[in-house]
């Protein structure tokens, strides 16, 4: 990796974090020209496009980021979540479901991926699956005492909302 690449990438991330997103976008697009196969540059470029509301432009960068090796596990998870969420925002629901399903399988303990998957499933009319995911997530992660008291029932109904005890 080029030291210059690392410096410019870190600077672009700082610009984005400081709210100077358009400057970050310009710098990241220039880095994409220099390093077209770099998954980290692609991920950061996708992310800044998303923060600017330029979801359609973000997709190709997300795809480039996740289709090649080189991202840390955390960045890969973030890129898959970003791609799936962006597909959903763009109304590309089947692609969102596929991306988020695969990501949730790859990162089974990630509640955010499951939540976005549930939203995408809802958008495709797969409401039972969406509710199953959300109820299971609620039952297994909630710190609310009242929910914890009903965890067995919630988990039971998560499997089949039409069931009776």
C-alpha atoms as a PDB file:
ATOM      1  CA  UNK A   1       0.000   0.000   0.000  1.00  0.00           C
ATOM      2  CA  UNK A   2       1.171   3.422  -0.836  1.00  0.00           C
ATOM      3  CA  UNK A   3       1.869   5.755   2.086  1.00  0.00           C
ATOM      4  CA  UNK A   4       0.370   8.551   0.010  1.00  0.00           C
ATOM      5  CA  UNK A   5      -2.793   6.476  -0.518  1.00  0.00           C
ATOM      6  CA  UNK A   6      -3.125   5.870   3.215  1.00  0.00           C
ATOM      7  CA  UNK A   7      -2.631   9.564   4.002  1.00  0.00           C
ATOM      8  CA  UNK A   8      -5.143  10.731   1.383  1.00  0.00           C
ATOM      9  CA  UNK A   9      -7.694   8.109   2.402  1.00  0.00           C
ATOM     10  CA  UNK A  10      -7.405   9.045   6.084  1.00  0.00           C
ATOM     11  CA  UNK A  11      -7.792  12.712   5.162  1.00  0.00           C
ATOM     12  CA  UNK A  12     -10.916  11.983   3.107  1.00  0.00           C
ATOM     13  CA  UNK A  13     -12.452  10.007   5.982  1.00  0.00           C
ATOM     14  CA  UNK A  14     -11.698  12.915   8.326  1.00  0.00           C
ATOM     15  CA  UNK A  15     -13.341  15.333   5.913  1.00  0.00           C
ATOM     16  CA  UNK A  16     -16.470  13.161   5.803  1.00  0.00           C
ATOM     17  CA  UNK A  17     -16.537  12.833   9.592  1.00  0.00           C
ATOM     18  CA  UNK A  18     -16.135  16.613   9.935  1.00  0.00           C
ATOM     19  CA  UNK A  19     -19.178  17.179   7.718  1.00  0.00           C
ATOM     20  CA  UNK A  20     -17.144  18.279   4.707  1.00  0.00           C
ATOM     21  CA  UNK A  21     -18.679  15.553   2.603  1.00  0.00           C
ATOM     22  CA  UNK A  22     -18.399  17.092  -0.847  1.00  0.00           C
ATOM     23  CA  UNK A  23     -14.686  17.697  -0.342  1.00  0.00           C
ATOM     24  CA  UNK A  24     -14.341  14.116   0.858  1.00  0.00           C
ATOM     25  CA  UNK A  25     -16.249  12.883  -2.200  1.00  0.00           C
ATOM     26  CA  UNK A  26     -13.962  14.737  -4.585  1.00  0.00           C
ATOM     27  CA  UNK A  27     -10.871  13.380  -2.865  1.00  0.00           C
ATOM     28  CA  UNK A  28     -12.245   9.841  -2.827  1.00  0.00           C
ATOM     29  CA  UNK A  29     -13.205   9.970  -6.509  1.00  0.00           C
ATOM     30  CA  UNK A  30      -9.631  11.006  -7.282  1.00  0.00           C
ATOM     31  CA  UNK A  31      -8.389   8.069  -5.190  1.00  0.00           C
ATOM     32  CA  UNK A  32     -10.711   5.744  -7.139  1.00  0.00           C
ATOM     33  CA  UNK A  33      -9.015   6.876 -10.329  1.00  0.00           C
ATOM     34  CA  UNK A  34      -5.597   6.072  -8.850  1.00  0.00           C
ATOM     35  CA  UNK A  35      -6.628   2.854  -7.090  1.00  0.00           C
ATOM     36  CA  UNK A  36      -9.579   1.397  -9.035  1.00  0.00           C
ATOM     37  CA  UNK A  37      -9.232  -2.079  -7.478  1.00  0.00           C
ATOM     38  CA  UNK A  38      -8.834  -0.927  -3.870  1.00  0.00           C
ATOM     39  CA  UNK A  39     -11.819  -2.184  -1.824  1.00  0.00           C
ATOM     40  CA  UNK A  40     -11.238   0.246   1.069  1.00  0.00           C
ATOM     41  CA  UNK A  41     -11.206   3.248  -1.267  1.00  0.00           C
ATOM     42  CA  UNK A  42     -14.348   1.905  -2.944  1.00  0.00           C
ATOM     43  CA  UNK A  43     -16.096   1.436   0.418  1.00  0.00           C
ATOM     44  CA  UNK A  44     -15.255   4.918   1.646  1.00  0.00           C
ATOM     45  CA  UNK A  45     -16.346   6.377  -1.691  1.00  0.00           C
ATOM     46  CA  UNK A  46     -19.678   4.538  -1.497  1.00  0.00           C
ATOM     47  CA  UNK A  47     -20.178   5.696   2.083  1.00  0.00           C
ATOM     48  CA  UNK A  48     -19.624   9.367   1.278  1.00  0.00           C
ATOM     49  CA  UNK A  49     -22.032   9.149  -1.660  1.00  0.00           C
ATOM     50  CA  UNK A  50     -24.663   7.686   0.675  1.00  0.00           C
ATOM     51  CA  UNK A  51     -24.170  10.488   3.186  1.00  0.00           C
ATOM     52  CA  UNK A  52     -24.751  13.007   0.401  1.00  0.00           C
ATOM     53  CA  UNK A  53     -27.976  11.319  -0.706  1.00  0.00           C
ATOM     54  CA  UNK A  54     -26.341  10.061  -3.900  1.00  0.00           C
ATOM     55  CA  UNK A  55     -27.415   6.458  -3.427  1.00  0.00           C
ATOM     56  CA  UNK A  56     -27.518   5.565  -7.127  1.00  0.00           C
ATOM     57  CA  UNK A  57     -23.881   6.616  -7.472  1.00  0.00           C
ATOM     58  CA  UNK A  58     -22.920   4.681  -4.322  1.00  0.00           C
ATOM     59  CA  UNK A  59     -23.987   1.264  -5.624  1.00  0.00           C
ATOM     60  CA  UNK A  60     -21.096   0.629  -8.020  1.00  0.00           C
ATOM     61  CA  UNK A  61     -18.586   1.594  -5.337  1.00  0.00           C
ATOM     62  CA  UNK A  62     -20.204  -0.730  -2.781  1.00  0.00           C
ATOM     63  CA  UNK A  63     -20.250  -3.571  -5.292  1.00  0.00           C
ATOM     64  CA  UNK A  64     -16.573  -3.037  -6.093  1.00  0.00           C
ATOM     65  CA  UNK A  65     -15.773  -2.986  -2.372  1.00  0.00           C
ATOM     66  CA  UNK A  66     -17.491  -6.277  -1.533  1.00  0.00           C
ATOM     67  CA  UNK A  67     -16.613  -8.241  -4.665  1.00  0.00           C
ATOM     68  CA  UNK A  68     -12.916  -8.390  -3.895  1.00  0.00           C
ATOM     69  CA  UNK A  69     -10.887  -9.364  -0.857  1.00  0.00           C
ATOM     70  CA  UNK A  70      -9.135  -6.834   1.328  1.00  0.00           C
ATOM     71  CA  UNK A  71     -11.714  -5.227   3.615  1.00  0.00           C
ATOM     72  CA  UNK A  72     -11.551  -5.821   7.345  1.00  0.00           C
ATOM     73  CA  UNK A  73     -14.477  -7.857   8.676  1.00  0.00           C
ATOM     74  CA  UNK A  74     -16.022  -4.716  10.185  1.00  0.00           C
ATOM     75  CA  UNK A  75     -15.691  -2.762   6.929  1.00  0.00           C
ATOM     76  CA  UNK A  76     -17.051  -5.699   4.925  1.00  0.00           C
ATOM     77  CA  UNK A  77     -20.061  -5.880   7.233  1.00  0.00           C
ATOM     78  CA  UNK A  78     -20.572  -2.117   6.865  1.00  0.00           C
ATOM     79  CA  UNK A  79     -20.234  -2.261   3.098  1.00  0.00           C
ATOM     80  CA  UNK A  80     -22.748  -5.109   2.814  1.00  0.00           C
ATOM     81  CA  UNK A  81     -25.184  -3.263   5.073  1.00  0.00           C
ATOM     82  CA  UNK A  82     -24.662  -0.097   3.034  1.00  0.00           C
ATOM     83  CA  UNK A  83     -25.188  -1.906  -0.259  1.00  0.00           C
ATOM     84  CA  UNK A  84     -28.311  -3.719   0.910  1.00  0.00           C
ATOM     85  CA  UNK A  85     -29.764  -0.584   2.454  1.00  0.00           C
ATOM     86  CA  UNK A  86     -28.966   1.425  -0.664  1.00  0.00           C
ATOM     87  CA  UNK A  87     -30.652  -1.159  -2.901  1.00  0.00           C
ATOM     88  CA  UNK A  88     -33.706  -0.874  -0.631  1.00  0.00           C
ATOM     89  CA  UNK A  89     -33.747   2.923  -0.761  1.00  0.00           C
ATOM     90  CA  UNK A  90     -33.575   2.731  -4.558  1.00  0.00           C
ATOM     91  CA  UNK A  91     -36.535   0.331  -4.657  1.00  0.00           C
ATOM     92  CA  UNK A  92     -34.346  -2.565  -5.763  1.00  0.00           C
ATOM     93  CA  UNK A  93     -35.963  -4.814  -3.155  1.00  0.00           C
ATOM     94  CA  UNK A  94     -35.002  -8.290  -4.459  1.00  0.00           C
ATOM     95  CA  UNK A  95     -31.338  -7.234  -4.614  1.00  0.00           C
ATOM     96  CA  UNK A  96     -31.646  -5.775  -1.116  1.00  0.00           C
ATOM     97  CA  UNK A  97     -33.066  -9.049   0.231  1.00  0.00           C
ATOM     98  CA  UNK A  98     -30.351 -11.128  -1.437  1.00  0.00           C
ATOM     99  CA  UNK A  99     -27.532  -8.870  -0.277  1.00  0.00           C
ATOM    100  CA  UNK A 100     -28.813  -8.548   3.282  1.00  0.00           C
ATOM    101  CA  UNK A 101     -29.691 -12.272   3.571  1.00  0.00           C
ATOM    102  CA  UNK A 102     -26.191 -13.244   2.501  1.00  0.00           C
ATOM    103  CA  UNK A 103     -24.686 -10.638   4.833  1.00  0.00           C
ATOM    104  CA  UNK A 104     -26.798 -11.818   7.789  1.00  0.00           C
ATOM    105  CA  UNK A 105     -25.639 -15.385   7.107  1.00  0.00           C
ATOM    106  CA  UNK A 106     -22.021 -14.212   6.998  1.00  0.00           C
ATOM    107  CA  UNK A 107     -22.436 -12.099  10.167  1.00  0.00           C
ATOM    108  CA  UNK A 108     -25.152 -13.961  12.121  1.00  0.00           C
ATOM    109  CA  UNK A 109     -24.756 -11.918  15.307  1.00  0.00           C
ATOM    110  CA  UNK A 110     -25.306  -8.549  13.658  1.00  0.00           C
ATOM    111  CA  UNK A 111     -28.682  -7.149  14.665  1.00  0.00           C
ATOM    112  CA  UNK A 112     -28.455  -4.186  12.297  1.00  0.00           C
ATOM    113  CA  UNK A 113     -28.155  -6.473   9.267  1.00  0.00           C
ATOM    114  CA  UNK A 114     -31.163  -8.466  10.464  1.00  0.00           C
ATOM    115  CA  UNK A 115     -33.173  -5.286  10.991  1.00  0.00           C
ATOM    116  CA  UNK A 116     -32.442  -3.987   7.488  1.00  0.00           C
ATOM    117  CA  UNK A 117     -33.174  -7.451   6.079  1.00  0.00           C
ATOM    118  CA  UNK A 118     -36.564  -7.389   7.817  1.00  0.00           C
ATOM    119  CA  UNK A 119     -37.334  -4.021   6.218  1.00  0.00           C
ATOM    120  CA  UNK A 120     -36.382  -5.333   2.775  1.00  0.00           C
ATOM    121  CA  UNK A 121     -38.477  -8.464   3.311  1.00  0.00           C
ATOM    122  CA  UNK A 122     -41.420  -6.247   4.239  1.00  0.00           C
ATOM    123  CA  UNK A 123     -40.924  -4.300   0.994  1.00  0.00           C
ATOM    124  CA  UNK A 124     -41.187  -7.556  -0.976  1.00  0.00           C
ATOM    125  CA  UNK A 125     -44.369  -8.589   0.827  1.00  0.00           C
ATOM    126  CA  UNK A 126     -42.644 -11.247   2.921  1.00  0.00           C
ATOM    127  CA  UNK A 127     -44.175  -9.913   6.127  1.00  0.00           C
ATOM    128  CA  UNK A 128     -44.142 -13.158   8.124  1.00  0.00           C
ATOM    129  CA  UNK A 129     -40.399 -13.570   7.596  1.00  0.00           C
ATOM    130  CA  UNK A 130     -39.815  -9.925   8.487  1.00  0.00           C
ATOM    131  CA  UNK A 131     -41.800 -10.253  11.715  1.00  0.00           C
ATOM    132  CA  UNK A 132     -40.033 -13.491  12.627  1.00  0.00           C
ATOM    133  CA  UNK A 133     -36.654 -11.791  12.331  1.00  0.00           C
ATOM    134  CA  UNK A 134     -37.723  -8.707  14.280  1.00  0.00           C
ATOM    135  CA  UNK A 135     -39.501 -10.595  17.058  1.00  0.00           C
ATOM    136  CA  UNK A 136     -36.567 -12.984  17.479  1.00  0.00           C
ATOM    137  CA  UNK A 137     -34.164 -10.064  17.567  1.00  0.00           C
ATOM    138  CA  UNK A 138     -36.334  -8.263  20.097  1.00  0.00           C
ATOM    139  CA  UNK A 139     -36.669 -11.326  22.307  1.00  0.00           C
ATOM    140  CA  UNK A 140     -32.959 -12.112  22.275  1.00  0.00           C
ATOM    141  CA  UNK A 141     -31.497  -8.624  22.601  1.00  0.00           C
ATOM    142  CA  UNK A 142     -33.946  -6.544  24.627  1.00  0.00           C
ATOM    143  CA  UNK A 143     -32.877  -5.412  28.085  1.00  0.00           C
ATOM    144  CA  UNK A 144     -36.476  -4.415  28.874  1.00  0.00           C
ATOM    145  CA  UNK A 145     -37.602  -6.511  31.871  1.00  0.00           C
ATOM    146  CA  UNK A 146     -41.170  -6.797  30.609  1.00  0.00           C
ATOM    147  CA  UNK A 147     -40.011  -8.144  27.264  1.00  0.00           C
ATOM    148  CA  UNK A 148     -37.550 -10.501  28.967  1.00  0.00           C
ATOM    149  CA  UNK A 149     -40.396 -11.922  31.069  1.00  0.00           C
ATOM    150  CA  UNK A 150     -42.256 -12.831  27.890  1.00  0.00           C
ATOM    151  CA  UNK A 151     -39.240 -14.026  25.913  1.00  0.00           C
ATOM    152  CA  UNK A 152     -40.413 -17.659  25.567  1.00  0.00           C
ATOM    153  CA  UNK A 153     -43.809 -16.557  24.264  1.00  0.00           C
ATOM    154  CA  UNK A 154     -42.299 -13.978  21.898  1.00  0.00           C
ATOM    155  CA  UNK A 155     -39.868 -16.559  20.534  1.00  0.00           C
ATOM    156  CA  UNK A 156     -42.704 -19.054  20.096  1.00  0.00           C
ATOM    157  CA  UNK A 157     -44.845 -16.582  18.183  1.00  0.00           C
ATOM    158  CA  UNK A 158     -41.872 -15.377  16.155  1.00  0.00           C
ATOM    159  CA  UNK A 159     -41.876 -18.790  14.489  1.00  0.00           C
ATOM    160  CA  UNK A 160     -45.580 -18.561  13.627  1.00  0.00           C
ATOM    161  CA  UNK A 161     -47.654 -15.497  14.445  1.00  0.00           C
ATOM    162  CA  UNK A 162     -50.827 -17.457  13.701  1.00  0.00           C
ATOM    163  CA  UNK A 163     -50.020 -20.163  16.273  1.00  0.00           C
ATOM    164  CA  UNK A 164     -51.754 -20.591  19.583  1.00  0.00           C
ATOM    165  CA  UNK A 165     -50.017 -21.772  22.718  1.00  0.00           C
END
